[in-house]
Amino acid sequence: MTASDVTQLHSAGFNDAQITIAVQVIAYFNYINRIADGLGVDLEDSMNAPIGQWRADKADFRNS
């Protein structure tokens, strides 16, 4: 992340606290994924479902 990235986020309406939180969350997910990959953790079967099946199994609250 560069100063230019921060400037663009400020221009989009984000403040320093919001940017800091976003960076922390993104870094945490990056860390956890690397640990899982390094340990050879496999996805659960439900996480490997084709996207069409996954969508069909989820409730669609937009039409409620």
PDB file of N, CA and C in Angstrom:
ATOM      1  N   MET A   1       0.844  -1.160   0.000  1.00  0.00           N
ATOM      2  CA  MET A   1       0.000   0.000   0.000  1.00  0.00           C
ATOM      3  C   MET A   1       0.896   1.232   0.000  1.00  0.00           C
ATOM      4  N   THR A   2       0.546   2.159  -0.856  1.00  0.00           N
ATOM      5  CA  THR A   2       1.345   3.374  -0.980  1.00  0.00           C
ATOM      6  C   THR A   2       0.541   4.596  -0.540  1.00  0.00           C
ATOM      7  N   ALA A   3       1.219   5.718  -0.453  1.00  0.00           N
ATOM      8  CA  ALA A   3       0.544   6.976  -0.110  1.00  0.00           C
ATOM      9  C   ALA A   3      -0.541   7.307  -1.134  1.00  0.00           C
ATOM     10  N   SER A   4      -0.289   6.953  -2.382  1.00  0.00           N
ATOM     11  CA  SER A   4      -1.282   7.184  -3.435  1.00  0.00           C
ATOM     12  C   SER A   4      -2.556   6.373  -3.181  1.00  0.00           C
ATOM     13  N   ASP A   5      -2.394   5.133  -2.705  1.00  0.00           N
ATOM     14  CA  ASP A   5      -3.560   4.304  -2.370  1.00  0.00           C
ATOM     15  C   ASP A   5      -4.394   4.969  -1.283  1.00  0.00           C
ATOM     16  N   VAL A   6      -3.723   5.480  -0.264  1.00  0.00           N
ATOM     17  CA  VAL A   6      -4.418   6.145   0.841  1.00  0.00           C
ATOM     18  C   VAL A   6      -5.127   7.398   0.335  1.00  0.00           C
ATOM     19  N   THR A   7      -4.478   8.145  -0.518  1.00  0.00           N
ATOM     20  CA  THR A   7      -5.087   9.345  -1.087  1.00  0.00           C
ATOM     21  C   THR A   7      -6.356   8.997  -1.858  1.00  0.00           C
ATOM     22  N   GLN A   8      -6.301   7.936  -2.637  1.00  0.00           N
ATOM     23  CA  GLN A   8      -7.483   7.511  -3.396  1.00  0.00           C
ATOM     24  C   GLN A   8      -8.607   7.079  -2.455  1.00  0.00           C
ATOM     25  N   LEU A   9      -8.271   6.384  -1.384  1.00  0.00           N
ATOM     26  CA  LEU A   9      -9.289   5.978  -0.418  1.00  0.00           C
ATOM     27  C   LEU A   9      -9.890   7.190   0.285  1.00  0.00           C
ATOM     28  N   HIS A  10      -9.060   8.169   0.619  1.00  0.00           N
ATOM     29  CA  HIS A  10      -9.581   9.416   1.206  1.00  0.00           C
ATOM     30  C   HIS A  10     -10.527  10.100   0.219  1.00  0.00           C
ATOM     31  N   SER A  11     -10.160  10.122  -1.051  1.00  0.00           N
ATOM     32  CA  SER A  11     -11.001  10.741  -2.081  1.00  0.00           C
ATOM     33  C   SER A  11     -12.340  10.028  -2.219  1.00  0.00           C
ATOM     34  N   ALA A  12     -12.338   8.727  -1.928  1.00  0.00           N
ATOM     35  CA  ALA A  12     -13.575   7.938  -2.013  1.00  0.00           C
ATOM     36  C   ALA A  12     -14.414   8.070  -0.749  1.00  0.00           C
ATOM     37  N   GLY A  13     -13.915   8.820   0.238  1.00  0.00           N
ATOM     38  CA  GLY A  13     -14.701   9.077   1.436  1.00  0.00           C
ATOM     39  C   GLY A  13     -14.310   8.287   2.673  1.00  0.00           C
ATOM     40  N   PHE A  14     -13.253   7.513   2.597  1.00  0.00           N
ATOM     41  CA  PHE A  14     -12.807   6.745   3.757  1.00  0.00           C
ATOM     42  C   PHE A  14     -11.908   7.608   4.637  1.00  0.00           C
ATOM     43  N   ASN A  15     -12.048   7.460   5.965  1.00  0.00           N
ATOM     44  CA  ASN A  15     -11.155   8.175   6.871  1.00  0.00           C
ATOM     45  C   ASN A  15     -10.031   7.240   7.316  1.00  0.00           C
ATOM     46  N   ASP A  16      -9.075   7.778   8.057  1.00  0.00           N
ATOM     47  CA  ASP A  16      -7.904   6.984   8.457  1.00  0.00           C
ATOM     48  C   ASP A  16      -8.288   5.766   9.302  1.00  0.00           C
ATOM     49  N   ALA A  17      -9.256   5.923  10.192  1.00  0.00           N
ATOM     50  CA  ALA A  17      -9.673   4.790  11.033  1.00  0.00           C
ATOM     51  C   ALA A  17     -10.269   3.671  10.180  1.00  0.00           C
ATOM     52  N   GLN A  18     -11.091   4.021   9.203  1.00  0.00           N
ATOM     53  CA  GLN A  18     -11.685   3.013   8.326  1.00  0.00           C
ATOM     54  C   GLN A  18     -10.629   2.315   7.476  1.00  0.00           C
ATOM     55  N   ILE A  19      -9.670   3.065   6.994  1.00  0.00           N
ATOM     56  CA  ILE A  19      -8.587   2.476   6.191  1.00  0.00           C
ATOM     57  C   ILE A  19      -7.761   1.528   7.053  1.00  0.00           C
ATOM     58  N   THR A  20      -7.467   1.930   8.276  1.00  0.00           N
ATOM     59  CA  THR A  20      -6.687   1.084   9.180  1.00  0.00           C
ATOM     60  C   THR A  20      -7.403  -0.230   9.457  1.00  0.00           C
ATOM     61  N   ILE A  21      -8.698  -0.163   9.725  1.00  0.00           N
ATOM     62  CA  ILE A  21      -9.471  -1.385   9.989  1.00  0.00           C
ATOM     63  C   ILE A  21      -9.480  -2.286   8.764  1.00  0.00           C
ATOM     64  N   ALA A  22      -9.705  -1.701   7.592  1.00  0.00           N
ATOM     65  CA  ALA A  22      -9.722  -2.494   6.361  1.00  0.00           C
ATOM     66  C   ALA A  22      -8.379  -3.188   6.141  1.00  0.00           C
ATOM     67  N   VAL A  23      -7.293  -2.472   6.340  1.00  0.00           N
ATOM     68  CA  VAL A  23      -5.959  -3.054   6.163  1.00  0.00           C
ATOM     69  C   VAL A  23      -5.749  -4.206   7.144  1.00  0.00           C
ATOM     70  N   GLN A  24      -6.182  -4.040   8.385  1.00  0.00           N
ATOM     71  CA  GLN A  24      -6.018  -5.100   9.381  1.00  0.00           C
ATOM     72  C   GLN A  24      -6.817  -6.348   9.010  1.00  0.00           C
ATOM     73  N   VAL A  25      -8.047  -6.169   8.559  1.00  0.00           N
ATOM     74  CA  VAL A  25      -8.883  -7.313   8.181  1.00  0.00           C
ATOM     75  C   VAL A  25      -8.291  -8.026   6.967  1.00  0.00           C
ATOM     76  N   ILE A  26      -7.888  -7.269   5.971  1.00  0.00           N
ATOM     77  CA  ILE A  26      -7.300  -7.859   4.762  1.00  0.00           C
ATOM     78  C   ILE A  26      -6.014  -8.610   5.101  1.00  0.00           C
ATOM     79  N   ALA A  27      -5.168  -8.012   5.941  1.00  0.00           N
ATOM     80  CA  ALA A  27      -3.919  -8.666   6.331  1.00  0.00           C
ATOM     81  C   ALA A  27      -4.189  -9.945   7.117  1.00  0.00           C
ATOM     82  N   TYR A  28      -5.211  -9.926   7.982  1.00  0.00           N
ATOM     83  CA  TYR A  28      -5.543 -11.124   8.761  1.00  0.00           C
ATOM     84  C   TYR A  28      -5.982 -12.265   7.845  1.00  0.00           C
ATOM     85  N   PHE A  29      -6.857 -11.979   6.885  1.00  0.00           N
ATOM     86  CA  PHE A  29      -7.295 -13.026   5.956  1.00  0.00           C
ATOM     87  C   PHE A  29      -6.120 -13.552   5.139  1.00  0.00           C
ATOM     88  N   ASN A  30      -5.229 -12.666   4.707  1.00  0.00           N
ATOM     89  CA  ASN A  30      -4.037 -13.084   3.981  1.00  0.00           C
ATOM     90  C   ASN A  30      -3.198 -14.028   4.842  1.00  0.00           C
ATOM     91  N   TYR A  31      -3.000 -13.662   6.102  1.00  0.00           N
ATOM     92  CA  TYR A  31      -2.220 -14.479   7.033  1.00  0.00           C
ATOM     93  C   TYR A  31      -2.858 -15.855   7.226  1.00  0.00           C
ATOM     94  N   ILE A  32      -4.155 -15.886   7.504  1.00  0.00           N
ATOM     95  CA  ILE A  32      -4.850 -17.153   7.751  1.00  0.00           C
ATOM     96  C   ILE A  32      -4.806 -18.049   6.518  1.00  0.00           C
ATOM     97  N   ASN A  33      -4.986 -17.475   5.341  1.00  0.00           N
ATOM     98  CA  ASN A  33      -4.922 -18.280   4.116  1.00  0.00           C
ATOM     99  C   ASN A  33      -3.538 -18.872   3.910  1.00  0.00           C
ATOM    100  N   ARG A  34      -2.504 -18.115   4.192  1.00  0.00           N
ATOM    101  CA  ARG A  34      -1.135 -18.635   4.050  1.00  0.00           C
ATOM    102  C   ARG A  34      -0.857 -19.747   5.051  1.00  0.00           C
ATOM    103  N   ILE A  35      -1.338 -19.581   6.281  1.00  0.00           N
ATOM    104  CA  ILE A  35      -1.172 -20.628   7.290  1.00  0.00           C
ATOM    105  C   ILE A  35      -1.906 -21.890   6.854  1.00  0.00           C
ATOM    106  N   ALA A  36      -3.151 -21.733   6.406  1.00  0.00           N
ATOM    107  CA  ALA A  36      -3.939 -22.888   5.970  1.00  0.00           C
ATOM    108  C   ALA A  36      -3.270 -23.590   4.787  1.00  0.00           C
ATOM    109  N   ASP A  37      -2.776 -22.819   3.825  1.00  0.00           N
ATOM    110  CA  ASP A  37      -2.081 -23.415   2.680  1.00  0.00           C
ATOM    111  C   ASP A  37      -0.815 -24.140   3.133  1.00  0.00           C
ATOM    112  N   GLY A  38      -0.071 -23.520   4.028  1.00  0.00           N
ATOM    113  CA  GLY A  38       1.167 -24.120   4.517  1.00  0.00           C
ATOM    114  C   GLY A  38       0.938 -25.415   5.284  1.00  0.00           C
ATOM    115  N   LEU A  39      -0.189 -25.496   5.974  1.00  0.00           N
ATOM    116  CA  LEU A  39      -0.518 -26.705   6.740  1.00  0.00           C
ATOM    117  C   LEU A  39      -1.271 -27.732   5.910  1.00  0.00           C
ATOM    118  N   GLY A  40      -1.620 -27.378   4.677  1.00  0.00           N
ATOM    119  CA  GLY A  40      -2.333 -28.311   3.810  1.00  0.00           C
ATOM    120  C   GLY A  40      -3.790 -28.492   4.190  1.00  0.00           C
ATOM    121  N   VAL A  41      -4.393 -27.465   4.766  1.00  0.00           N
ATOM    122  CA  VAL A  41      -5.795 -27.551   5.172  1.00  0.00           C
ATOM    123  C   VAL A  41      -6.666 -27.597   3.921  1.00  0.00           C
ATOM    124  N   ASP A  42      -7.559 -28.576   3.860  1.00  0.00           N
ATOM    125  CA  ASP A  42      -8.475 -28.711   2.727  1.00  0.00           C
ATOM    126  C   ASP A  42      -9.786 -27.991   3.012  1.00  0.00           C
ATOM    127  N   LEU A  43     -10.446 -27.561   1.943  1.00  0.00           N
ATOM    128  CA  LEU A  43     -11.763 -26.967   2.081  1.00  0.00           C
ATOM    129  C   LEU A  43     -12.769 -28.027   2.509  1.00  0.00           C
ATOM    130  N   GLU A  44     -13.810 -27.601   3.197  1.00  0.00           N
ATOM    131  CA  GLU A  44     -14.904 -28.507   3.505  1.00  0.00           C
ATOM    132  C   GLU A  44     -15.649 -28.811   2.215  1.00  0.00           C
ATOM    133  N   ASP A  45     -16.309 -29.966   2.142  1.00  0.00           N
ATOM    134  CA  ASP A  45     -17.007 -30.359   0.920  1.00  0.00           C
ATOM    135  C   ASP A  45     -17.998 -29.297   0.454  1.00  0.00           C
ATOM    136  N   SER A  46     -18.709 -28.678   1.395  1.00  0.00           N
ATOM    137  CA  SER A  46     -19.703 -27.667   1.016  1.00  0.00           C
ATOM    138  C   SER A  46     -19.055 -26.446   0.374  1.00  0.00           C
ATOM    139  N   MET A  47     -17.775 -26.243   0.603  1.00  0.00           N
ATOM    140  CA  MET A  47     -17.089 -25.079   0.041  1.00  0.00           C
ATOM    141  C   MET A  47     -16.626 -25.330  -1.391  1.00  0.00           C
ATOM    142  N   ASN A  48     -16.723 -26.555  -1.847  1.00  0.00           N
ATOM    143  CA  ASN A  48     -16.313 -26.894  -3.204  1.00  0.00           C
ATOM    144  C   ASN A  48     -17.498 -27.057  -4.146  1.00  0.00           C
ATOM    145  N   ALA A  49     -18.691 -26.698  -3.701  1.00  0.00           N
ATOM    146  CA  ALA A  49     -19.881 -26.849  -4.536  1.00  0.00           C
ATOM    147  C   ALA A  49     -19.801 -25.903  -5.735  1.00  0.00           C
ATOM    148  N   PRO A  50     -20.311 -26.344  -6.899  1.00  0.00           N
ATOM    149  CA  PRO A  50     -20.361 -25.434  -8.044  1.00  0.00           C
ATOM    150  C   PRO A  50     -21.185 -24.195  -7.691  1.00  0.00           C
ATOM    151  N   ILE A  51     -20.845 -23.061  -8.279  1.00  0.00           N
ATOM    152  CA  ILE A  51     -21.482 -21.800  -7.919  1.00  0.00           C
ATOM    153  C   ILE A  51     -22.993 -21.836  -8.107  1.00  0.00           C
ATOM    154  N   GLY A  52     -23.467 -22.503  -9.147  1.00  0.00           N
ATOM    155  CA  GLY A  52     -24.912 -22.596  -9.374  1.00  0.00           C
ATOM    156  C   GLY A  52     -25.615 -23.325  -8.245  1.00  0.00           C
ATOM    157  N   GLN A  53     -25.018 -24.411  -7.799  1.00  0.00           N
ATOM    158  CA  GLN A  53     -25.589 -25.163  -6.689  1.00  0.00           C
ATOM    159  C   GLN A  53     -25.543 -24.341  -5.409  1.00  0.00           C
ATOM    160  N   TRP A  54     -24.439 -23.665  -5.176  1.00  0.00           N
ATOM    161  CA  TRP A  54     -24.298 -22.844  -3.983  1.00  0.00           C
ATOM    162  C   TRP A  54     -25.383 -21.772  -3.933  1.00  0.00           C
ATOM    163  N   ARG A  55     -25.613 -21.112  -5.073  1.00  0.00           N
ATOM    164  CA  ARG A  55     -26.643 -20.071  -5.130  1.00  0.00           C
ATOM    165  C   ARG A  55     -28.033 -20.650  -4.905  1.00  0.00           C
ATOM    166  N   ALA A  56     -28.291 -21.823  -5.468  1.00  0.00           N
ATOM    167  CA  ALA A  56     -29.614 -22.448  -5.312  1.00  0.00           C
ATOM    168  C   ALA A  56     -29.868 -22.837  -3.857  1.00  0.00           C
ATOM    169  N   ASP A  57     -28.824 -23.171  -3.129  1.00  0.00           N
ATOM    170  CA  ASP A  57     -28.963 -23.578  -1.730  1.00  0.00           C
ATOM    171  C   ASP A  57     -29.130 -22.394  -0.787  1.00  0.00           C
ATOM    172  N   LYS A  58     -28.847 -21.207  -1.236  1.00  0.00           N
ATOM    173  CA  LYS A  58     -28.936 -20.014  -0.396  1.00  0.00           C
ATOM    174  C   LYS A  58     -30.308 -19.359  -0.547  1.00  0.00           C
ATOM    175  N   ALA A  59     -30.775 -18.770   0.548  1.00  0.00           N
ATOM    176  CA  ALA A  59     -32.054 -18.048   0.492  1.00  0.00           C
ATOM    177  C   ALA A  59     -31.863 -16.753  -0.277  1.00  0.00           C
ATOM    178  N   ASP A  60     -32.849 -16.379  -1.046  1.00  0.00           N
ATOM    179  CA  ASP A  60     -32.813 -15.121  -1.775  1.00  0.00           C
ATOM    180  C   ASP A  60     -33.727 -14.130  -1.064  1.00  0.00           C
ATOM    181  N   PHE A  61     -33.126 -13.241  -0.277  1.00  0.00           N
ATOM    182  CA  PHE A  61     -33.900 -12.305   0.528  1.00  0.00           C
ATOM    183  C   PHE A  61     -34.275 -11.048  -0.253  1.00  0.00           C
ATOM    184  N   ARG A  62     -33.770 -10.913  -1.467  1.00  0.00           N
ATOM    185  CA  ARG A  62     -34.073  -9.711  -2.256  1.00  0.00           C
ATOM    186  C   ARG A  62     -35.532  -9.646  -2.652  1.00  0.00           C
ATOM    187  N   ASN A  63     -36.180 -10.807  -2.791  1.00  0.00           N
ATOM    188  CA  ASN A  63     -37.568 -10.838  -3.230  1.00  0.00           C
ATOM    189  C   ASN A  63     -38.546 -10.909  -2.073  1.00  0.00           C
ATOM    190  N   SER A  64     -38.071 -10.724  -0.863  1.00  0.00           N
ATOM    191  CA  SER A  64     -38.952 -10.814   0.326  1.00  0.00           C
ATOM    192  C   SER A  64     -39.640  -9.512   0.590  1.00  0.00           C
TER     193      SER A  64
END
